[in-house]
Amino acid sequence: MNEPKNKLSRAVELATNISIMIVALIGATVLVKNYLLHAPAPAVVGPPAAARTAGSRELPAGPAEGTKVTVPGVSWEEGDQTIVLALSDHCKYCTESAPFYQKLTRELAERKNVRLVAVFPQEASAGQKYLAGLGVPITEVRQASLDSVGVRGTPTLLIVDKSGAVKQSWVGRLSPEREAEVLNRIKA
């Protein structure tokens, strides 16, 4: 009779040891994934924090004033200042901001010393098609990583001076007051 108890005891002990090893492997995998292979957080796409509901992630701020930015194929010296729109064709807040971008392009059409450049993480041709669909006539569209312009979320609007330094930035879908602030800043 001891023989069946020993077999049962050994089977339970073996099952317990296997379970402990599985839990240890899962725990080690989680630790490695979260602490050793920690990747930077993905870009957040959305409205400014003030427009978000309670409990949601805050949208990161735009690049600090004075930060130098780079966009392939853009020479900052060509205008007194350059307006950079960092957009994504997957961003619903970019799409919702189209009326403001239309107004912005009309305002800038009269100002020869201010350039308007749209930067997309997607191919430039996809960005051009997206803007055309929104009725936003921006002719200078570039593909660049959002990191290269110091941006972590779309839409982001930057005013950049002749040296490539950010003078001011706005992140997210802008309220009418913030839109007026942008237009006033451009006119100054």
N, C-alpha and C. Protein backbone atom coordinates (compact mmCIF):
# COMPACT_ATOMS: atom_id res chain seq x y z
N MET A 1 0.79 -1.19 0.00
CA MET A 1 0.00 0.00 0.00
C MET A 1 0.84 1.26 0.00
N ASN A 2 2.03 1.19 0.48
CA ASN A 2 2.93 2.34 0.47
C ASN A 2 3.34 2.71 -0.94
N GLU A 3 3.40 1.67 -1.79
CA GLU A 3 3.82 1.92 -3.16
C GLU A 3 2.90 2.91 -3.88
N PRO A 4 1.57 2.77 -3.86
CA PRO A 4 0.70 3.75 -4.54
C PRO A 4 0.81 5.13 -3.91
N LYS A 5 0.96 5.21 -2.58
CA LYS A 5 1.11 6.52 -1.94
C LYS A 5 2.40 7.19 -2.39
N ASN A 6 3.48 6.41 -2.50
CA ASN A 6 4.76 6.95 -2.96
C ASN A 6 4.65 7.44 -4.39
N LYS A 7 3.97 6.70 -5.25
CA LYS A 7 3.79 7.12 -6.64
C LYS A 7 2.98 8.41 -6.70
N LEU A 8 1.90 8.45 -5.93
CA LEU A 8 1.06 9.64 -5.89
C LEU A 8 1.84 10.81 -5.32
N SER A 9 2.60 10.56 -4.28
CA SER A 9 3.41 11.61 -3.65
C SER A 9 4.45 12.15 -4.63
N ARG A 10 5.11 11.24 -5.35
CA ARG A 10 6.10 11.67 -6.34
C ARG A 10 5.45 12.45 -7.49
N ALA A 11 4.29 12.02 -7.93
CA ALA A 11 3.58 12.71 -9.01
C ALA A 11 3.19 14.12 -8.58
N VAL A 12 2.70 14.27 -7.36
CA VAL A 12 2.33 15.59 -6.84
C VAL A 12 3.58 16.46 -6.70
N GLU A 13 4.66 15.88 -6.20
CA GLU A 13 5.90 16.64 -6.05
C GLU A 13 6.44 17.07 -7.42
N LEU A 14 6.39 16.20 -8.41
CA LEU A 14 6.83 16.53 -9.75
C LEU A 14 5.97 17.64 -10.35
N ALA A 15 4.66 17.54 -10.22
CA ALA A 15 3.74 18.56 -10.73
C ALA A 15 4.00 19.91 -10.04
N THR A 16 4.26 19.87 -8.74
CA THR A 16 4.55 21.09 -8.00
C THR A 16 5.85 21.71 -8.48
N ASN A 17 6.87 20.91 -8.67
CA ASN A 17 8.16 21.43 -9.15
C ASN A 17 8.03 22.02 -10.56
N ILE A 18 7.29 21.38 -11.43
CA ILE A 18 7.08 21.90 -12.79
C ILE A 18 6.32 23.22 -12.72
N SER A 19 5.31 23.30 -11.89
CA SER A 19 4.54 24.54 -11.73
C SER A 19 5.42 25.68 -11.24
N ILE A 20 6.28 25.37 -10.27
CA ILE A 20 7.19 26.40 -9.74
C ILE A 20 8.14 26.88 -10.83
N MET A 21 8.65 25.96 -11.65
CA MET A 21 9.55 26.35 -12.73
C MET A 21 8.83 27.21 -13.77
N ILE A 22 7.59 26.89 -14.10
CA ILE A 22 6.82 27.67 -15.07
C ILE A 22 6.59 29.08 -14.54
N VAL A 23 6.18 29.19 -13.28
CA VAL A 23 5.96 30.51 -12.68
C VAL A 23 7.26 31.31 -12.65
N ALA A 24 8.37 30.67 -12.34
CA ALA A 24 9.66 31.35 -12.31
C ALA A 24 10.04 31.84 -13.71
N LEU A 25 9.81 31.04 -14.74
CA LEU A 25 10.11 31.44 -16.11
C LEU A 25 9.24 32.63 -16.54
N ILE A 26 7.97 32.58 -16.21
CA ILE A 26 7.08 33.70 -16.55
C ILE A 26 7.54 34.97 -15.84
N GLY A 27 7.85 34.84 -14.56
CA GLY A 27 8.33 36.00 -13.80
C GLY A 27 9.62 36.57 -14.38
N ALA A 28 10.55 35.70 -14.74
CA ALA A 28 11.81 36.16 -15.32
C ALA A 28 11.57 36.84 -16.66
N THR A 29 10.67 36.30 -17.46
CA THR A 29 10.34 36.91 -18.76
C THR A 29 9.77 38.30 -18.58
N VAL A 30 8.86 38.45 -17.63
CA VAL A 30 8.26 39.77 -17.37
C VAL A 30 9.33 40.76 -16.90
N LEU A 31 10.20 40.33 -16.01
CA LEU A 31 11.26 41.21 -15.53
C LEU A 31 12.19 41.65 -16.66
N VAL A 32 12.60 40.70 -17.47
CA VAL A 32 13.50 41.03 -18.59
C VAL A 32 12.81 41.98 -19.55
N LYS A 33 11.58 41.68 -19.88
CA LYS A 33 10.85 42.52 -20.84
C LYS A 33 10.65 43.94 -20.31
N ASN A 34 10.29 44.08 -19.05
CA ASN A 34 9.98 45.40 -18.48
C ASN A 34 11.20 46.20 -18.06
N TYR A 35 12.27 45.55 -17.68
CA TYR A 35 13.40 46.30 -17.12
C TYR A 35 14.67 46.26 -17.97
N LEU A 36 14.91 45.19 -18.65
CA LEU A 36 16.13 45.11 -19.43
C LEU A 36 15.91 45.46 -20.90
N LEU A 37 14.77 45.16 -21.43
CA LEU A 37 14.48 45.43 -22.83
C LEU A 37 13.45 46.55 -22.95
N HIS A 38 13.45 47.44 -22.00
CA HIS A 38 12.45 48.52 -21.98
C HIS A 38 12.63 49.44 -23.17
N ALA A 39 11.63 49.50 -24.03
CA ALA A 39 11.65 50.38 -25.21
C ALA A 39 11.01 51.71 -24.83
N PRO A 40 11.40 52.80 -25.51
CA PRO A 40 10.76 54.07 -25.23
C PRO A 40 9.27 54.01 -25.54
N ALA A 41 8.51 54.82 -24.84
CA ALA A 41 7.07 54.86 -25.06
C ALA A 41 6.77 55.32 -26.47
N PRO A 42 5.75 54.75 -27.09
CA PRO A 42 5.41 55.18 -28.44
C PRO A 42 4.87 56.61 -28.43
N ALA A 43 4.94 57.25 -29.60
CA ALA A 43 4.42 58.60 -29.72
C ALA A 43 2.94 58.60 -29.39
N VAL A 44 2.53 59.59 -28.66
CA VAL A 44 1.14 59.74 -28.30
C VAL A 44 0.48 60.63 -29.33
N VAL A 45 -0.63 60.19 -29.84
CA VAL A 45 -1.35 60.98 -30.81
C VAL A 45 -2.67 61.38 -30.17
N GLY A 46 -2.92 62.67 -30.08
CA GLY A 46 -4.18 63.07 -29.49
C GLY A 46 -4.24 64.53 -29.15
N PRO A 47 -5.32 64.92 -28.46
CA PRO A 47 -5.54 66.32 -28.15
C PRO A 47 -4.71 66.75 -26.97
N PRO A 48 -4.63 68.05 -26.70
CA PRO A 48 -3.90 68.51 -25.54
C PRO A 48 -4.52 67.97 -24.26
N ALA A 49 -3.72 67.93 -23.20
CA ALA A 49 -4.16 67.35 -21.94
C ALA A 49 -5.46 67.97 -21.45
N ALA A 50 -5.66 69.26 -21.66
CA ALA A 50 -6.86 69.93 -21.19
C ALA A 50 -8.11 69.38 -21.85
N ALA A 51 -7.99 68.82 -23.03
CA ALA A 51 -9.15 68.31 -23.75
C ALA A 51 -9.40 66.83 -23.46
N ARG A 52 -8.53 66.20 -22.68
CA ARG A 52 -8.67 64.78 -22.40
C ARG A 52 -9.59 64.54 -21.21
N THR A 53 -10.12 63.36 -21.12
CA THR A 53 -10.97 63.01 -19.99
C THR A 53 -10.08 62.59 -18.82
N ALA A 54 -10.64 62.64 -17.62
CA ALA A 54 -9.88 62.29 -16.43
C ALA A 54 -9.38 60.86 -16.53
N GLY A 55 -8.17 60.63 -16.07
CA GLY A 55 -7.59 59.31 -16.03
C GLY A 55 -6.83 58.90 -17.28
N SER A 56 -6.82 59.70 -18.32
CA SER A 56 -6.10 59.32 -19.53
C SER A 56 -4.67 59.85 -19.47
N ARG A 57 -3.83 59.33 -20.38
CA ARG A 57 -2.43 59.76 -20.41
C ARG A 57 -2.32 61.20 -20.85
N GLU A 58 -1.38 61.90 -20.27
CA GLU A 58 -1.13 63.29 -20.68
C GLU A 58 -0.32 63.30 -21.96
N LEU A 59 -0.62 64.26 -22.81
CA LEU A 59 0.11 64.42 -24.06
C LEU A 59 1.42 65.12 -23.76
N PRO A 60 2.53 64.62 -24.28
CA PRO A 60 3.81 65.26 -24.01
C PRO A 60 3.87 66.66 -24.62
N ALA A 61 4.63 67.51 -23.98
CA ALA A 61 4.82 68.87 -24.49
C ALA A 61 5.66 68.83 -25.76
N GLY A 62 5.56 69.91 -26.53
CA GLY A 62 6.39 70.04 -27.73
C GLY A 62 7.82 70.35 -27.33
N PRO A 63 8.71 70.45 -28.31
CA PRO A 63 10.10 70.74 -27.99
C PRO A 63 10.24 72.10 -27.30
N ALA A 64 11.18 72.19 -26.41
CA ALA A 64 11.42 73.42 -25.66
C ALA A 64 11.93 74.52 -26.57
N GLU A 65 11.64 75.74 -26.19
CA GLU A 65 12.14 76.89 -26.95
C GLU A 65 13.66 76.81 -27.03
N GLY A 66 14.18 77.06 -28.23
CA GLY A 66 15.63 77.02 -28.45
C GLY A 66 16.15 75.68 -28.93
N THR A 67 15.31 74.63 -28.86
CA THR A 67 15.71 73.31 -29.33
C THR A 67 15.94 73.35 -30.84
N LYS A 68 17.06 72.83 -31.29
CA LYS A 68 17.36 72.76 -32.73
C LYS A 68 16.65 71.53 -33.30
N VAL A 69 15.98 71.74 -34.44
CA VAL A 69 15.29 70.64 -35.09
C VAL A 69 15.84 70.44 -36.50
N THR A 70 15.66 69.23 -37.00
CA THR A 70 16.16 68.87 -38.32
C THR A 70 15.04 68.22 -39.12
N VAL A 71 14.87 68.69 -40.34
CA VAL A 71 13.95 68.05 -41.29
C VAL A 71 14.73 67.86 -42.58
N PRO A 72 14.88 66.62 -43.05
CA PRO A 72 15.63 66.39 -44.29
C PRO A 72 15.08 67.22 -45.44
N GLY A 73 15.98 67.92 -46.14
CA GLY A 73 15.59 68.70 -47.30
C GLY A 73 15.08 70.10 -46.99
N VAL A 74 15.07 70.48 -45.72
CA VAL A 74 14.58 71.82 -45.35
C VAL A 74 15.76 72.67 -44.90
N SER A 75 15.93 73.81 -45.55
CA SER A 75 16.95 74.78 -45.18
C SER A 75 16.23 75.93 -44.48
N TRP A 76 16.49 76.08 -43.19
CA TRP A 76 15.77 77.05 -42.37
C TRP A 76 16.04 78.49 -42.81
N GLU A 77 17.15 78.74 -43.47
CA GLU A 77 17.53 80.10 -43.86
C GLU A 77 16.65 80.68 -44.96
N GLU A 78 15.83 79.86 -45.61
CA GLU A 78 15.03 80.32 -46.75
C GLU A 78 13.90 81.26 -46.37
N GLY A 79 13.58 81.41 -45.11
CA GLY A 79 12.53 82.32 -44.67
C GLY A 79 12.91 82.91 -43.33
N ASP A 80 12.23 83.98 -42.94
CA ASP A 80 12.50 84.55 -41.63
C ASP A 80 12.10 83.56 -40.54
N GLN A 81 11.01 82.85 -40.79
CA GLN A 81 10.62 81.78 -39.88
C GLN A 81 9.88 80.71 -40.69
N THR A 82 9.85 79.51 -40.13
CA THR A 82 9.19 78.39 -40.79
C THR A 82 8.19 77.81 -39.81
N ILE A 83 6.98 77.59 -40.31
CA ILE A 83 5.97 76.91 -39.53
C ILE A 83 6.04 75.44 -39.91
N VAL A 84 6.25 74.58 -38.92
CA VAL A 84 6.32 73.14 -39.15
C VAL A 84 5.08 72.51 -38.54
N LEU A 85 4.34 71.81 -39.37
CA LEU A 85 3.19 71.04 -38.89
C LEU A 85 3.59 69.58 -38.88
N ALA A 86 3.71 68.99 -37.70
CA ALA A 86 4.00 67.56 -37.58
C ALA A 86 2.65 66.85 -37.52
N LEU A 87 2.38 66.06 -38.55
CA LEU A 87 1.07 65.43 -38.70
C LEU A 87 1.23 63.94 -38.98
N SER A 88 0.12 63.23 -38.91
CA SER A 88 0.09 61.83 -39.30
C SER A 88 -1.24 61.59 -39.99
N ASP A 89 -1.20 60.80 -41.04
CA ASP A 89 -2.47 60.54 -41.74
C ASP A 89 -3.35 59.57 -40.97
N HIS A 90 -2.88 59.09 -39.81
CA HIS A 90 -3.67 58.21 -38.95
C HIS A 90 -4.22 58.97 -37.73
N CYS A 91 -4.01 60.26 -37.67
CA CYS A 91 -4.34 61.06 -36.48
C CYS A 91 -5.69 61.74 -36.65
N LYS A 92 -6.66 61.35 -35.84
CA LYS A 92 -7.99 61.95 -35.98
C LYS A 92 -7.98 63.42 -35.58
N TYR A 93 -7.07 63.82 -34.69
CA TYR A 93 -7.02 65.22 -34.26
C TYR A 93 -6.39 66.10 -35.34
N CYS A 94 -5.52 65.49 -36.16
CA CYS A 94 -4.99 66.21 -37.32
C CYS A 94 -6.12 66.49 -38.30
N THR A 95 -6.93 65.49 -38.54
CA THR A 95 -8.07 65.63 -39.45
C THR A 95 -9.06 66.65 -38.91
N GLU A 96 -9.35 66.59 -37.62
CA GLU A 96 -10.28 67.55 -37.02
C GLU A 96 -9.74 68.97 -37.05
N SER A 97 -8.43 69.13 -37.15
CA SER A 97 -7.80 70.46 -37.18
C SER A 97 -7.72 71.04 -38.58
N ALA A 98 -8.23 70.33 -39.59
CA ALA A 98 -8.13 70.78 -40.99
C ALA A 98 -8.66 72.20 -41.21
N PRO A 99 -9.80 72.60 -40.63
CA PRO A 99 -10.26 73.97 -40.86
C PRO A 99 -9.24 75.02 -40.40
N PHE A 100 -8.57 74.76 -39.30
CA PHE A 100 -7.54 75.70 -38.84
C PHE A 100 -6.35 75.70 -39.80
N TYR A 101 -5.95 74.52 -40.29
CA TYR A 101 -4.83 74.47 -41.22
C TYR A 101 -5.16 75.17 -42.54
N GLN A 102 -6.43 75.08 -42.96
CA GLN A 102 -6.86 75.81 -44.15
C GLN A 102 -6.72 77.32 -43.91
N LYS A 103 -7.16 77.76 -42.76
CA LYS A 103 -7.05 79.19 -42.41
C LYS A 103 -5.59 79.61 -42.31
N LEU A 104 -4.77 78.77 -41.74
CA LEU A 104 -3.34 79.05 -41.60
C LEU A 104 -2.69 79.20 -42.97
N THR A 105 -3.01 78.29 -43.90
CA THR A 105 -2.40 78.39 -45.24
C THR A 105 -2.84 79.65 -45.96
N ARG A 106 -4.11 80.06 -45.77
CA ARG A 106 -4.57 81.31 -46.39
C ARG A 106 -3.82 82.50 -45.80
N GLU A 107 -3.64 82.49 -44.50
CA GLU A 107 -2.93 83.58 -43.81
C GLU A 107 -1.48 83.66 -44.28
N LEU A 108 -0.85 82.53 -44.43
CA LEU A 108 0.57 82.51 -44.80
C LEU A 108 0.80 82.75 -46.28
N ALA A 109 -0.23 82.59 -47.11
CA ALA A 109 -0.09 82.83 -48.55
C ALA A 109 0.30 84.28 -48.82
N GLU A 110 -0.11 85.17 -47.92
CA GLU A 110 0.18 86.60 -48.08
C GLU A 110 1.55 86.98 -47.53
N ARG A 111 2.16 86.09 -46.79
CA ARG A 111 3.45 86.40 -46.14
C ARG A 111 4.56 85.62 -46.84
N LYS A 112 5.39 86.33 -47.54
CA LYS A 112 6.46 85.68 -48.32
C LYS A 112 7.66 85.29 -47.46
N ASN A 113 7.79 85.87 -46.27
CA ASN A 113 8.95 85.60 -45.43
C ASN A 113 8.72 84.44 -44.45
N VAL A 114 7.54 83.80 -44.52
CA VAL A 114 7.22 82.69 -43.64
C VAL A 114 6.89 81.47 -44.49
N ARG A 115 7.59 80.37 -44.22
CA ARG A 115 7.36 79.11 -44.94
C ARG A 115 6.47 78.20 -44.11
N LEU A 116 5.80 77.30 -44.80
CA LEU A 116 4.98 76.29 -44.14
C LEU A 116 5.43 74.92 -44.64
N VAL A 117 5.82 74.07 -43.71
CA VAL A 117 6.30 72.73 -44.04
C VAL A 117 5.49 71.72 -43.22
N ALA A 118 4.97 70.72 -43.90
CA ALA A 118 4.28 69.62 -43.22
C ALA A 118 5.24 68.44 -43.13
N VAL A 119 5.34 67.86 -41.95
CA VAL A 119 6.22 66.71 -41.72
C VAL A 119 5.36 65.52 -41.30
N PHE A 120 5.55 64.43 -42.00
CA PHE A 120 4.80 63.20 -41.74
C PHE A 120 5.78 62.06 -41.46
N PRO A 121 5.43 61.14 -40.56
CA PRO A 121 6.25 59.94 -40.42
C PRO A 121 6.02 58.99 -41.59
N GLN A 122 4.91 59.15 -42.31
CA GLN A 122 4.62 58.34 -43.50
C GLN A 122 5.34 58.95 -44.69
N GLU A 123 5.27 58.25 -45.83
CA GLU A 123 5.86 58.74 -47.07
C GLU A 123 5.30 60.12 -47.40
N ALA A 124 6.12 60.97 -48.00
CA ALA A 124 5.68 62.33 -48.35
C ALA A 124 4.49 62.29 -49.30
N SER A 125 4.47 61.33 -50.21
CA SER A 125 3.34 61.24 -51.15
C SER A 125 2.03 60.94 -50.42
N ALA A 126 2.10 60.11 -49.38
CA ALA A 126 0.91 59.82 -48.58
C ALA A 126 0.47 61.08 -47.82
N GLY A 127 1.45 61.85 -47.34
CA GLY A 127 1.14 63.11 -46.66
C GLY A 127 0.49 64.11 -47.61
N GLN A 128 1.00 64.20 -48.83
CA GLN A 128 0.42 65.12 -49.82
C GLN A 128 -1.02 64.72 -50.15
N LYS A 129 -1.25 63.45 -50.31
CA LYS A 129 -2.59 62.95 -50.61
C LYS A 129 -3.54 63.25 -49.45
N TYR A 130 -3.07 63.03 -48.24
CA TYR A 130 -3.88 63.29 -47.04
C TYR A 130 -4.26 64.77 -46.96
N LEU A 131 -3.27 65.66 -47.15
CA LEU A 131 -3.53 67.11 -47.10
C LEU A 131 -4.48 67.54 -48.21
N ALA A 132 -4.30 66.99 -49.39
CA ALA A 132 -5.20 67.32 -50.51
C ALA A 132 -6.64 66.92 -50.18
N GLY A 133 -6.79 65.77 -49.56
CA GLY A 133 -8.12 65.31 -49.15
C GLY A 133 -8.76 66.20 -48.11
N LEU A 134 -7.94 66.87 -47.32
CA LEU A 134 -8.45 67.80 -46.30
C LEU A 134 -8.65 69.20 -46.85
N GLY A 135 -8.19 69.44 -48.08
CA GLY A 135 -8.29 70.78 -48.65
C GLY A 135 -7.28 71.74 -48.03
N VAL A 136 -6.11 71.20 -47.65
CA VAL A 136 -5.05 72.01 -47.04
C VAL A 136 -3.89 72.08 -48.04
N PRO A 137 -3.74 73.24 -48.72
CA PRO A 137 -2.75 73.34 -49.79
C PRO A 137 -1.33 73.64 -49.30
N ILE A 138 -0.67 72.64 -48.75
CA ILE A 138 0.72 72.79 -48.34
C ILE A 138 1.57 72.10 -49.40
N THR A 139 2.44 72.86 -50.03
CA THR A 139 3.24 72.30 -51.13
C THR A 139 4.51 71.63 -50.63
N GLU A 140 5.03 72.06 -49.51
CA GLU A 140 6.28 71.49 -49.00
C GLU A 140 5.96 70.44 -47.94
N VAL A 141 5.98 69.18 -48.36
CA VAL A 141 5.67 68.05 -47.49
C VAL A 141 6.89 67.16 -47.42
N ARG A 142 7.31 66.81 -46.21
CA ARG A 142 8.51 66.00 -46.01
C ARG A 142 8.18 64.78 -45.15
N GLN A 143 8.94 63.73 -45.39
CA GLN A 143 8.87 62.57 -44.52
C GLN A 143 10.04 62.66 -43.55
N ALA A 144 9.75 62.54 -42.28
CA ALA A 144 10.81 62.54 -41.26
C ALA A 144 10.23 61.89 -40.01
N SER A 145 11.11 61.33 -39.21
CA SER A 145 10.64 60.78 -37.94
C SER A 145 10.23 61.94 -37.04
N LEU A 146 9.25 61.70 -36.21
CA LEU A 146 8.81 62.75 -35.29
C LEU A 146 9.94 63.15 -34.34
N ASP A 147 10.79 62.17 -34.00
CA ASP A 147 11.92 62.46 -33.12
C ASP A 147 12.87 63.49 -33.71
N SER A 148 13.02 63.50 -35.03
CA SER A 148 13.98 64.42 -35.66
C SER A 148 13.55 65.88 -35.49
N VAL A 149 12.26 66.09 -35.28
CA VAL A 149 11.79 67.45 -35.03
C VAL A 149 11.41 67.64 -33.56
N GLY A 150 11.84 66.71 -32.72
CA GLY A 150 11.61 66.84 -31.29
C GLY A 150 10.16 66.70 -30.88
N VAL A 151 9.39 65.99 -31.67
CA VAL A 151 7.95 65.87 -31.45
C VAL A 151 7.62 64.45 -31.01
N ARG A 152 6.72 64.33 -30.03
CA ARG A 152 6.32 63.01 -29.57
C ARG A 152 4.87 62.71 -29.84
N GLY A 153 4.12 63.67 -30.37
CA GLY A 153 2.71 63.44 -30.66
C GLY A 153 2.25 64.33 -31.78
N THR A 154 1.18 63.92 -32.43
CA THR A 154 0.61 64.72 -33.50
C THR A 154 -0.83 65.06 -33.15
N PRO A 155 -1.30 66.17 -33.61
CA PRO A 155 -0.60 67.21 -34.36
C PRO A 155 0.24 68.09 -33.44
N THR A 156 1.36 68.57 -33.96
CA THR A 156 2.19 69.54 -33.26
C THR A 156 2.57 70.62 -34.26
N LEU A 157 2.47 71.87 -33.83
CA LEU A 157 2.83 73.01 -34.67
C LEU A 157 4.03 73.69 -34.04
N LEU A 158 5.06 73.94 -34.85
CA LEU A 158 6.28 74.59 -34.36
C LEU A 158 6.53 75.85 -35.17
N ILE A 159 7.03 76.88 -34.51
CA ILE A 159 7.59 78.03 -35.20
C ILE A 159 9.09 77.91 -35.05
N VAL A 160 9.79 77.86 -36.19
CA VAL A 160 11.24 77.64 -36.20
C VAL A 160 11.90 78.84 -36.85
N ASP A 161 13.00 79.32 -36.24
CA ASP A 161 13.69 80.49 -36.80
C ASP A 161 14.71 80.08 -37.86
N LYS A 162 15.45 81.07 -38.37
CA LYS A 162 16.42 80.84 -39.46
C LYS A 162 17.54 79.87 -39.08
N SER A 163 17.80 79.72 -37.79
CA SER A 163 18.87 78.82 -37.37
C SER A 163 18.38 77.40 -37.09
N GLY A 164 17.07 77.17 -37.24
CA GLY A 164 16.52 75.85 -36.97
C GLY A 164 16.13 75.65 -35.52
N ALA A 165 16.06 76.74 -34.76
CA ALA A 165 15.69 76.66 -33.35
C ALA A 165 14.20 76.91 -33.17
N VAL A 166 13.57 76.14 -32.32
CA VAL A 166 12.15 76.29 -32.04
C VAL A 166 11.94 77.58 -31.25
N LYS A 167 11.02 78.40 -31.74
CA LYS A 167 10.65 79.64 -31.04
C LYS A 167 9.43 79.41 -30.15
N GLN A 168 8.51 78.56 -30.62
CA GLN A 168 7.32 78.24 -29.84
C GLN A 168 6.69 76.99 -30.42
N SER A 169 5.94 76.26 -29.58
CA SER A 169 5.27 75.05 -30.07
C SER A 169 3.90 74.90 -29.43
N TRP A 170 3.02 74.25 -30.16
CA TRP A 170 1.68 73.93 -29.69
C TRP A 170 1.42 72.48 -30.03
N VAL A 171 0.84 71.73 -29.08
CA VAL A 171 0.61 70.31 -29.26
C VAL A 171 -0.88 70.01 -29.19
N GLY A 172 -1.32 69.16 -30.09
CA GLY A 172 -2.70 68.69 -30.05
C GLY A 172 -3.66 69.54 -30.85
N ARG A 173 -4.91 69.18 -30.77
CA ARG A 173 -5.96 69.95 -31.43
C ARG A 173 -6.15 71.22 -30.63
N LEU A 174 -6.06 72.36 -31.29
CA LEU A 174 -6.05 73.64 -30.59
C LEU A 174 -7.47 74.19 -30.41
N SER A 175 -7.67 74.83 -29.28
CA SER A 175 -8.93 75.54 -29.04
C SER A 175 -8.94 76.79 -29.91
N PRO A 176 -10.09 77.41 -30.11
CA PRO A 176 -10.13 78.66 -30.89
C PRO A 176 -9.19 79.74 -30.32
N GLU A 177 -9.05 79.78 -29.02
CA GLU A 177 -8.15 80.76 -28.40
C GLU A 177 -6.69 80.48 -28.76
N ARG A 178 -6.33 79.20 -28.73
CA ARG A 178 -4.95 78.82 -29.08
C ARG A 178 -4.69 79.03 -30.57
N GLU A 179 -5.69 78.78 -31.41
CA GLU A 179 -5.55 79.04 -32.84
C GLU A 179 -5.27 80.53 -33.07
N ALA A 180 -6.02 81.39 -32.36
CA ALA A 180 -5.81 82.84 -32.48
C ALA A 180 -4.41 83.21 -32.00
N GLU A 181 -3.95 82.54 -30.95
CA GLU A 181 -2.60 82.78 -30.42
C GLU A 181 -1.55 82.45 -31.49
N VAL A 182 -1.73 81.33 -32.18
CA VAL A 182 -0.78 80.93 -33.24
C VAL A 182 -0.78 82.01 -34.35
N LEU A 183 -1.96 82.38 -34.80
CA LEU A 183 -2.04 83.37 -35.88
C LEU A 183 -1.44 84.71 -35.47
N ASN A 184 -1.69 85.14 -34.24
CA ASN A 184 -1.09 86.39 -33.74
C ASN A 184 0.42 86.28 -33.64
N ARG A 185 0.92 85.12 -33.22
CA ARG A 185 2.37 84.92 -33.09
C ARG A 185 3.05 84.98 -34.46
N ILE A 186 2.38 84.43 -35.46
CA ILE A 186 2.94 84.43 -36.82
C ILE A 186 2.99 85.85 -37.38
N LYS A 187 1.99 86.64 -37.05
CA LYS A 187 1.92 88.02 -37.56
C LYS A 187 2.95 88.93 -36.88
N ALA A 188 3.39 88.54 -35.69
CA ALA A 188 4.32 89.40 -34.93
C ALA A 188 5.68 89.50 -35.57
